[in-house]
Amino acid sequence: MATVKRLTFAEVRQRHGRTWEILDFYGGWVAYRRNPWSTTAARFGVSNLLGADDLDDLARQLDEQATAESRRKSRYPPLPPDDA
């Protein structure tokens, strides 16, 4: 029987902690963005707040958010800087 490696808080925080604040919340986990996206980004699946019962589920959601952010950025790339 294979054992499934469960993620640790340190692993999740190392991977997503620059973008997300991750908290133990009454027996579950909550993550909120350090720099929130506008509500118009929601149509690309981008959220500012996530919740999960365990770290593995939260990490999966955070990975999905990284994909959604990439999707959003590719649709609307940043404007080039002004050459002033």
C-alpha atoms as a PDB file:
ATOM      1  CA  MET A   1       0.000   0.000   0.000  1.00  0.00           C
ATOM      2  CA  ALA A   2       1.458   3.344  -1.074  1.00  0.00           C
ATOM      3  CA  THR A   3       1.413   6.204   1.378  1.00  0.00           C
ATOM      4  CA  VAL A   4       0.466   9.634   0.144  1.00  0.00           C
ATOM      5  CA  LYS A   5       2.806  12.404   1.224  1.00  0.00           C
ATOM      6  CA  ARG A   6       0.852  15.190   2.828  1.00  0.00           C
ATOM      7  CA  LEU A   7       2.106  18.727   2.402  1.00  0.00           C
ATOM      8  CA  THR A   8       3.400  20.649   5.385  1.00  0.00           C
ATOM      9  CA  PHE A   9       2.539  24.241   6.190  1.00  0.00           C
ATOM     10  CA  ALA A  10       6.153  25.216   5.463  1.00  0.00           C
ATOM     11  CA  GLU A  11       5.983  23.654   1.976  1.00  0.00           C
ATOM     12  CA  VAL A  12       2.734  25.408   1.082  1.00  0.00           C
ATOM     13  CA  ARG A  13       3.998  28.687   2.480  1.00  0.00           C
ATOM     14  CA  GLN A  14       7.295  28.412   0.603  1.00  0.00           C
ATOM     15  CA  ARG A  15       5.485  27.816  -2.688  1.00  0.00           C
ATOM     16  CA  HIS A  16       2.697  30.397  -2.306  1.00  0.00           C
ATOM     17  CA  GLY A  17       3.631  32.658   0.613  1.00  0.00           C
ATOM     18  CA  ARG A  18       4.862  35.594  -1.445  1.00  0.00           C
ATOM     19  CA  THR A  19       1.429  35.997  -3.029  1.00  0.00           C
ATOM     20  CA  TRP A  20      -0.841  34.636  -0.303  1.00  0.00           C
ATOM     21  CA  GLU A  21      -1.192  34.996   3.462  1.00  0.00           C
ATOM     22  CA  ILE A  22      -1.991  31.478   4.734  1.00  0.00           C
ATOM     23  CA  LEU A  23      -3.662  30.933   8.096  1.00  0.00           C
ATOM     24  CA  ASP A  24      -4.824  28.027  10.237  1.00  0.00           C
ATOM     25  CA  PHE A  25      -8.481  28.870  10.789  1.00  0.00           C
ATOM     26  CA  TYR A  26     -10.595  26.908  13.298  1.00  0.00           C
ATOM     27  CA  GLY A  27      -9.332  23.499  12.191  1.00  0.00           C
ATOM     28  CA  GLY A  28      -9.203  24.381   8.485  1.00  0.00           C
ATOM     29  CA  TRP A  29      -7.109  26.707   6.343  1.00  0.00           C
ATOM     30  CA  VAL A  30      -7.663  30.133   4.801  1.00  0.00           C
ATOM     31  CA  ALA A  31      -5.554  32.001   2.270  1.00  0.00           C
ATOM     32  CA  TYR A  32      -6.033  35.592   1.200  1.00  0.00           C
ATOM     33  CA  ARG A  33      -4.075  37.574  -1.361  1.00  0.00           C
ATOM     34  CA  ARG A  34      -1.474  39.994  -0.149  1.00  0.00           C
ATOM     35  CA  ASN A  35      -2.370  42.235  -3.124  1.00  0.00           C
ATOM     36  CA  PRO A  36      -5.999  41.644  -4.145  1.00  0.00           C
ATOM     37  CA  TRP A  37      -7.073  41.478  -7.768  1.00  0.00           C
ATOM     38  CA  SER A  38     -10.022  43.500  -9.024  1.00  0.00           C
ATOM     39  CA  THR A  39     -13.421  41.852  -9.099  1.00  0.00           C
ATOM     40  CA  THR A  40     -13.323  41.834 -12.926  1.00  0.00           C
ATOM     41  CA  ALA A  41     -10.603  39.160 -12.748  1.00  0.00           C
ATOM     42  CA  ALA A  42     -13.178  36.743 -11.294  1.00  0.00           C
ATOM     43  CA  ARG A  43     -14.357  35.848 -14.808  1.00  0.00           C
ATOM     44  CA  PHE A  44     -10.935  34.235 -15.308  1.00  0.00           C
ATOM     45  CA  GLY A  45     -11.320  32.229 -12.104  1.00  0.00           C
ATOM     46  CA  VAL A  46      -9.111  34.533 -10.024  1.00  0.00           C
ATOM     47  CA  SER A  47     -10.128  34.740  -6.350  1.00  0.00           C
ATOM     48  CA  ASN A  48      -8.838  36.820  -3.483  1.00  0.00           C
ATOM     49  CA  LEU A  49      -9.890  34.444  -0.692  1.00  0.00           C
ATOM     50  CA  LEU A  50      -9.733  30.653  -0.457  1.00  0.00           C
ATOM     51  CA  GLY A  51     -10.664  28.158   2.220  1.00  0.00           C
ATOM     52  CA  ALA A  52     -10.077  24.425   2.665  1.00  0.00           C
ATOM     53  CA  ASP A  53     -10.357  21.681   5.263  1.00  0.00           C
ATOM     54  CA  ASP A  54      -6.734  20.566   4.791  1.00  0.00           C
ATOM     55  CA  LEU A  55      -3.452  21.889   3.416  1.00  0.00           C
ATOM     56  CA  ASP A  56      -3.425  19.535   0.426  1.00  0.00           C
ATOM     57  CA  ASP A  57      -6.748  20.916  -0.783  1.00  0.00           C
ATOM     58  CA  LEU A  58      -5.630  24.486  -0.137  1.00  0.00           C
ATOM     59  CA  ALA A  59      -2.389  23.883  -2.071  1.00  0.00           C
ATOM     60  CA  ARG A  60      -4.406  22.490  -4.993  1.00  0.00           C
ATOM     61  CA  GLN A  61      -6.593  25.606  -4.993  1.00  0.00           C
ATOM     62  CA  LEU A  62      -3.535  27.868  -4.815  1.00  0.00           C
ATOM     63  CA  ASP A  63      -2.019  26.044  -7.806  1.00  0.00           C
ATOM     64  CA  GLU A  64      -5.301  26.547  -9.682  1.00  0.00           C
ATOM     65  CA  GLN A  65      -5.147  30.244  -8.844  1.00  0.00           C
ATOM     66  CA  ALA A  66      -1.650  30.492 -10.329  1.00  0.00           C
ATOM     67  CA  THR A  67      -3.051  28.973 -13.537  1.00  0.00           C
ATOM     68  CA  ALA A  68      -5.997  31.394 -13.516  1.00  0.00           C
ATOM     69  CA  GLU A  69      -3.625  34.340 -13.017  1.00  0.00           C
ATOM     70  CA  SER A  70      -1.557  33.215 -16.002  1.00  0.00           C
ATOM     71  CA  ARG A  71      -4.731  32.906 -18.070  1.00  0.00           C
ATOM     72  CA  ARG A  72      -5.774  36.415 -17.038  1.00  0.00           C
ATOM     73  CA  LYS A  73      -2.344  37.908 -17.737  1.00  0.00           C
ATOM     74  CA  SER A  74      -2.124  36.291 -21.167  1.00  0.00           C
ATOM     75  CA  ARG A  75      -5.528  37.718 -22.173  1.00  0.00           C
ATOM     76  CA  TYR A  76      -4.623  41.198 -20.997  1.00  0.00           C
ATOM     77  CA  PRO A  77      -0.839  41.585 -20.916  1.00  0.00           C
ATOM     78  CA  PRO A  78       0.522  44.600 -19.038  1.00  0.00           C
ATOM     79  CA  LEU A  79       0.897  47.800 -21.010  1.00  0.00           C
ATOM     80  CA  PRO A  80       4.430  48.735 -22.064  1.00  0.00           C
ATOM     81  CA  PRO A  81       6.057  51.440 -19.937  1.00  0.00           C
ATOM     82  CA  ASP A  82       5.849  55.023 -21.213  1.00  0.00           C
ATOM     83  CA  ASP A  83       9.017  56.267 -22.886  1.00  0.00           C
ATOM     84  CA  ALA A  84       9.001  59.683 -21.253  1.00  0.00           C
END
